Amino acid sequence: MGADAGVPFVVSELLRGETLRARMKGGSLPVGVAVTYAAEVARGLVAAHRLGVVHRDLKPENIFITEDERVKILDFGLAKCRIETLGLSEQDSSVSTQPGTILGTVGYMSPEQVRGGATDERSDIFSLGVILHEMISGGAPFLGNSAIETLYAILKTDAPALPRREGITAELEHVIRHSLEKSPDGRFQSASDLLWVLELVLRSPAQPPARTKPARRLLQSLFELVF
C-alpha cells in the first residue's frame, strides 16, 4: 500500500488459475491431490496462526490453485487478529471478533462458530477438515436441505464415511475424523500438528483401510501416538 501524488494505491499479487470450487466442479479429486492441497492450506494456516490471525471463513471459494499448482488462501475479510497484529489499540478492535457474533459460511463453520462462541486456530482446522472431506467425497459432509439443517448437522451429526476407493487409508480417515471433532479440545491443537500428519499420509503407501501390511506398521504406530 502507498500513495503517489496524493493518490492512494494497493499493489496485490496477480494470480492465474482457479478456485478450489471451480477445480471440484467435476466432483471429487484424486486422493493424493486432495491431501496435497490440504497440506498446502495447513502450511498457510501455520504462517497465519503464528501471526495471531484466524481466518474463520475457509471454504473452497477462498482457496485458489494457481496454474503452477501452488495453493493460496484468499479473503481474510472475516479474520480474527490479535490487537498487536493489527497494530490497533484495544478500543479500536472490531466488535465482530467478539464472542456472541456468528461469522463464517454455512457448511464450513466450526461448531463454536455456529454457537457464536470464542474461536481460535482450531476453528480453522475444523473448516479445513470439512474441505478435505469434500475434496475426497465430492460432497460437503454437513450439507442439509436448509441453512438451519446444515447448522444442526455441524453441531450434532458426524460426517459420513468416506467412499471406499483407491488411496483412502484408515490413517486418512483418522485425520479427517480428528479434524472434525465437535469439541475444539478433541481436534488437532495446531495447524502444524495437522500438517505433520498430512505429510505422513502423503508419504505412506496408498492401501484401502481394511488392509494392513508390515511396511505400514511404523506409520500406524505414529498415528497411535497422535490419536
Protein backbone atom coordinates (compact mmCIF):
# COMPACT_ATOMS: atom_id res chain seq x y z
CA MET A 1 0.00 0.00 0.00
CA GLY A 2 1.17 3.53 -0.66
CA ALA A 3 0.35 6.85 -2.25
CA ASP A 4 1.61 8.66 -5.33
CA ALA A 5 0.98 12.39 -5.76
CA GLY A 6 -1.68 12.14 -3.10
CA VAL A 7 -3.44 9.18 -4.77
CA PRO A 8 -3.55 6.04 -2.59
CA PHE A 9 -2.91 2.68 -4.22
CA VAL A 10 -2.77 -1.01 -3.38
CA VAL A 11 -0.50 -3.44 -5.20
CA SER A 12 -1.60 -7.08 -4.93
CA GLU A 13 -0.41 -10.33 -6.38
CA LEU A 14 -1.77 -11.30 -9.78
CA LEU A 15 -2.97 -14.89 -9.60
CA ARG A 16 -3.68 -17.03 -12.63
CA GLY A 17 -5.61 -20.22 -12.10
CA GLU A 18 -8.92 -21.13 -10.49
CA THR A 19 -10.56 -21.55 -7.12
CA LEU A 20 -10.80 -24.92 -5.47
CA ARG A 21 -14.56 -24.73 -6.01
CA ALA A 22 -14.01 -24.48 -9.76
CA ARG A 23 -11.46 -27.30 -9.61
CA MET A 24 -14.06 -29.53 -7.92
CA LYS A 25 -16.84 -28.79 -10.41
CA GLY A 26 -16.41 -32.28 -11.86
CA GLY A 27 -16.76 -33.95 -8.46
CA SER A 28 -14.17 -35.43 -6.13
CA LEU A 29 -10.43 -35.02 -6.64
CA PRO A 30 -7.79 -37.77 -6.69
CA VAL A 31 -6.92 -38.58 -3.09
CA GLY A 32 -3.25 -37.62 -3.42
CA VAL A 33 -4.17 -34.28 -4.96
CA ALA A 34 -6.72 -33.57 -2.22
CA VAL A 35 -4.28 -34.35 0.58
CA THR A 36 -1.56 -32.27 -1.11
CA TYR A 37 -3.91 -29.28 -1.36
CA ALA A 38 -4.96 -29.72 2.28
CA ALA A 39 -1.32 -29.85 3.38
CA GLU A 40 -0.60 -26.62 1.48
CA VAL A 41 -3.57 -24.90 3.13
CA ALA A 42 -2.38 -26.17 6.51
CA ARG A 43 1.07 -24.73 5.78
CA GLY A 44 -0.55 -21.36 5.07
CA LEU A 45 -2.54 -21.59 8.29
CA VAL A 46 0.64 -22.27 10.26
CA ALA A 47 2.03 -18.95 9.00
CA ALA A 48 -1.22 -17.07 9.68
CA HIS A 49 -1.71 -18.53 13.14
CA ARG A 50 1.83 -17.64 14.14
CA LEU A 51 0.83 -14.02 13.49
CA GLY A 52 -2.28 -14.43 15.60
CA VAL A 53 -4.59 -14.47 12.57
CA VAL A 54 -7.54 -16.90 12.48
CA HIS A 55 -9.18 -16.98 9.05
CA ARG A 56 -12.72 -18.04 10.15
CA ASP A 57 -14.05 -18.36 6.60
CA LEU A 58 -12.15 -21.20 4.94
CA LYS A 59 -14.13 -22.70 2.06
CA PRO A 60 -13.38 -23.89 -1.50
CA GLU A 61 -14.20 -20.42 -2.86
CA ASN A 62 -11.42 -18.94 -0.73
CA ILE A 63 -8.73 -21.41 -1.77
CA PHE A 64 -7.03 -20.67 -5.07
CA ILE A 65 -5.00 -23.09 -7.18
CA THR A 66 -2.51 -21.33 -9.44
CA GLU A 67 -1.55 -22.52 -12.90
CA ASP A 68 1.66 -23.99 -11.46
CA GLU A 69 -0.30 -25.83 -8.73
CA ARG A 70 0.53 -23.52 -5.83
CA VAL A 71 -2.22 -23.13 -3.23
CA LYS A 72 -3.23 -19.71 -1.94
CA ILE A 73 -5.61 -18.81 0.89
CA LEU A 74 -7.77 -15.83 -0.09
CA ASP A 75 -10.17 -13.40 1.58
CA PHE A 76 -9.20 -12.68 5.17
CA GLY A 77 -12.18 -10.33 5.47
CA LEU A 78 -13.61 -12.18 8.47
CA ALA A 79 -10.26 -12.92 10.06
CA LYS A 80 -9.78 -12.59 13.78
CA CYS A 81 -6.47 -10.95 14.67
CA ARG A 82 -4.58 -10.19 17.82
CA ILE A 83 -4.67 -6.50 18.67
CA GLU A 84 -0.88 -6.32 18.37
CA THR A 85 -1.05 -7.99 14.94
CA LEU A 86 -3.34 -5.25 13.65
CA GLY A 87 -1.40 -2.51 15.38
CA LEU A 88 -4.62 -1.18 16.93
CA SER A 89 -5.40 -0.01 20.42
CA GLU A 90 -7.86 -2.06 22.46
CA GLN A 91 -10.74 0.34 21.83
CA ASP A 92 -10.15 0.22 18.06
CA SER A 93 -10.65 -3.53 17.76
CA SER A 94 -13.70 -4.66 15.82
CA VAL A 95 -16.67 -5.95 17.81
CA SER A 96 -17.14 -8.54 15.08
CA THR A 97 -14.30 -10.53 16.61
CA GLN A 98 -16.06 -10.82 19.96
CA PRO A 99 -17.92 -13.92 21.23
CA GLY A 100 -21.67 -13.88 20.55
CA THR A 101 -21.32 -12.92 16.89
CA ILE A 102 -21.89 -15.65 14.27
CA LEU A 103 -19.42 -15.31 11.41
CA GLY A 104 -18.50 -17.67 8.61
CA THR A 105 -20.09 -19.60 5.75
CA VAL A 106 -22.83 -22.14 6.41
CA GLY A 107 -21.49 -25.64 5.82
CA TYR A 108 -17.88 -24.78 6.68
CA MET A 109 -18.28 -23.15 10.10
CA SER A 110 -16.97 -24.88 13.19
CA PRO A 111 -19.42 -25.80 15.96
CA GLU A 112 -18.11 -22.96 18.11
CA GLN A 113 -18.77 -20.52 15.26
CA VAL A 114 -22.32 -21.83 14.92
CA ARG A 115 -22.85 -21.20 18.63
CA GLY A 116 -21.36 -17.71 18.37
CA GLY A 117 -18.65 -18.70 20.81
CA ALA A 118 -15.00 -17.76 21.02
CA THR A 119 -12.87 -19.05 18.13
CA ASP A 120 -9.20 -19.80 17.81
CA GLU A 121 -6.87 -21.69 15.45
CA ARG A 122 -8.78 -24.93 15.98
CA SER A 123 -11.81 -23.45 14.24
CA ASP A 124 -9.79 -23.19 11.01
CA ILE A 125 -8.73 -26.81 11.48
CA PHE A 126 -12.37 -27.91 11.55
CA SER A 127 -13.11 -25.95 8.36
CA LEU A 128 -10.10 -27.49 6.62
CA GLY A 129 -11.33 -30.93 7.69
CA VAL A 130 -14.67 -30.18 6.03
CA ILE A 131 -12.91 -29.10 2.84
CA LEU A 132 -10.66 -32.17 2.77
CA HIS A 133 -13.67 -34.44 3.25
CA GLU A 134 -15.45 -32.68 0.38
CA MET A 135 -12.45 -32.90 -1.94
CA ILE A 136 -12.33 -36.66 -1.42
CA SER A 137 -16.04 -37.50 -1.23
CA GLY A 138 -17.31 -34.98 -3.77
CA GLY A 139 -19.93 -33.53 -1.41
CA ALA A 140 -19.99 -31.26 1.63
CA PRO A 141 -20.27 -33.52 4.72
CA PHE A 142 -22.78 -31.40 6.64
CA LEU A 143 -24.97 -30.09 3.82
CA GLY A 144 -28.69 -30.14 4.69
CA ASN A 145 -31.79 -29.05 2.82
CA SER A 146 -31.68 -25.67 4.54
CA ALA A 147 -29.22 -23.49 6.40
CA ILE A 148 -30.81 -24.49 9.71
CA GLU A 149 -30.43 -28.21 8.92
CA THR A 150 -26.81 -27.66 7.90
CA LEU A 151 -26.00 -25.79 11.11
CA TYR A 152 -27.71 -28.53 13.15
CA ALA A 153 -25.64 -31.18 11.35
CA ILE A 154 -22.44 -29.32 12.19
CA LEU A 155 -23.41 -29.34 15.86
CA LYS A 156 -24.91 -32.81 16.21
CA THR A 157 -24.15 -35.10 13.27
CA ASP A 158 -20.97 -36.97 12.39
CA ALA A 159 -19.60 -36.57 8.87
CA PRO A 160 -20.49 -39.50 6.59
CA ALA A 161 -17.90 -42.17 5.95
CA LEU A 162 -15.55 -41.62 3.05
CA PRO A 163 -16.21 -43.63 -0.10
CA ARG A 164 -14.22 -46.82 -0.50
CA ARG A 165 -11.79 -46.16 -3.32
CA GLU A 166 -8.11 -46.36 -4.05
CA GLY A 167 -5.93 -44.13 -1.92
CA ILE A 168 -8.29 -43.76 1.04
CA THR A 169 -6.49 -45.27 4.00
CA ALA A 170 -7.50 -45.78 7.61
CA GLU A 171 -4.93 -43.13 8.55
CA LEU A 172 -6.51 -40.57 6.25
CA GLU A 173 -9.94 -41.28 7.70
CA HIS A 174 -8.50 -40.78 11.19
CA VAL A 175 -7.03 -37.42 10.18
CA ILE A 176 -10.37 -36.17 8.87
CA ARG A 177 -12.34 -37.51 11.84
CA HIS A 178 -9.89 -35.92 14.26
CA SER A 179 -10.14 -32.58 12.44
CA LEU A 180 -13.95 -32.72 12.62
CA GLU A 181 -14.33 -33.34 16.33
CA LYS A 182 -17.19 -31.21 17.69
CA SER A 183 -15.14 -30.02 20.65
CA PRO A 184 -12.05 -27.90 19.88
CA ASP A 185 -10.17 -29.83 22.57
CA GLY A 186 -10.74 -33.05 20.63
CA ARG A 187 -9.18 -31.80 17.39
CA PHE A 188 -5.62 -31.23 16.34
CA GLN A 189 -4.43 -28.44 18.58
CA SER A 190 -2.43 -26.63 15.93
CA ALA A 191 -2.15 -26.39 12.17
CA SER A 192 1.45 -27.55 12.44
CA ASP A 193 0.26 -30.82 14.04
CA LEU A 194 -2.25 -31.31 11.25
CA LEU A 195 0.37 -30.53 8.61
CA TRP A 196 2.78 -33.06 10.11
CA VAL A 197 0.20 -35.84 9.95
CA LEU A 198 -0.94 -34.92 6.42
CA GLU A 199 2.66 -35.17 5.27
CA LEU A 200 2.83 -38.64 6.84
CA VAL A 201 -0.25 -39.63 4.86
CA LEU A 202 1.35 -38.36 1.65
CA ARG A 203 4.44 -40.48 2.29
CA SER A 204 2.52 -43.64 3.18
CA PRO A 205 1.62 -46.42 0.73
CA ALA A 206 -1.92 -45.91 -0.52
CA GLN A 207 -3.85 -49.01 0.56
CA PRO A 208 -7.55 -49.50 1.39
CA PRO A 209 -8.35 -49.12 5.12
CA ALA A 210 -9.13 -52.80 5.62
CA ARG A 211 -5.67 -53.95 4.57
CA THR A 212 -2.63 -53.84 6.84
CA LYS A 213 0.88 -54.59 5.69
CA PRO A 214 4.13 -54.79 7.69
CA ALA A 215 5.60 -51.85 5.79
CA ARG A 216 2.93 -49.63 7.30
CA ARG A 217 3.37 -50.67 10.94
CA LEU A 218 5.70 -47.77 11.77
CA LEU A 219 3.25 -45.27 10.30
CA GLN A 220 0.39 -46.82 12.24
CA SER A 221 2.34 -46.65 15.48
CA LEU A 222 2.95 -42.95 14.90
CA PHE A 223 -0.79 -42.44 14.39
CA GLU A 224 -1.47 -44.26 17.65
CA LEU A 225 0.65 -41.65 19.41
CA VAL A 226 -1.43 -38.86 17.87
CA PHE A 227 -4.86 -40.41 18.29
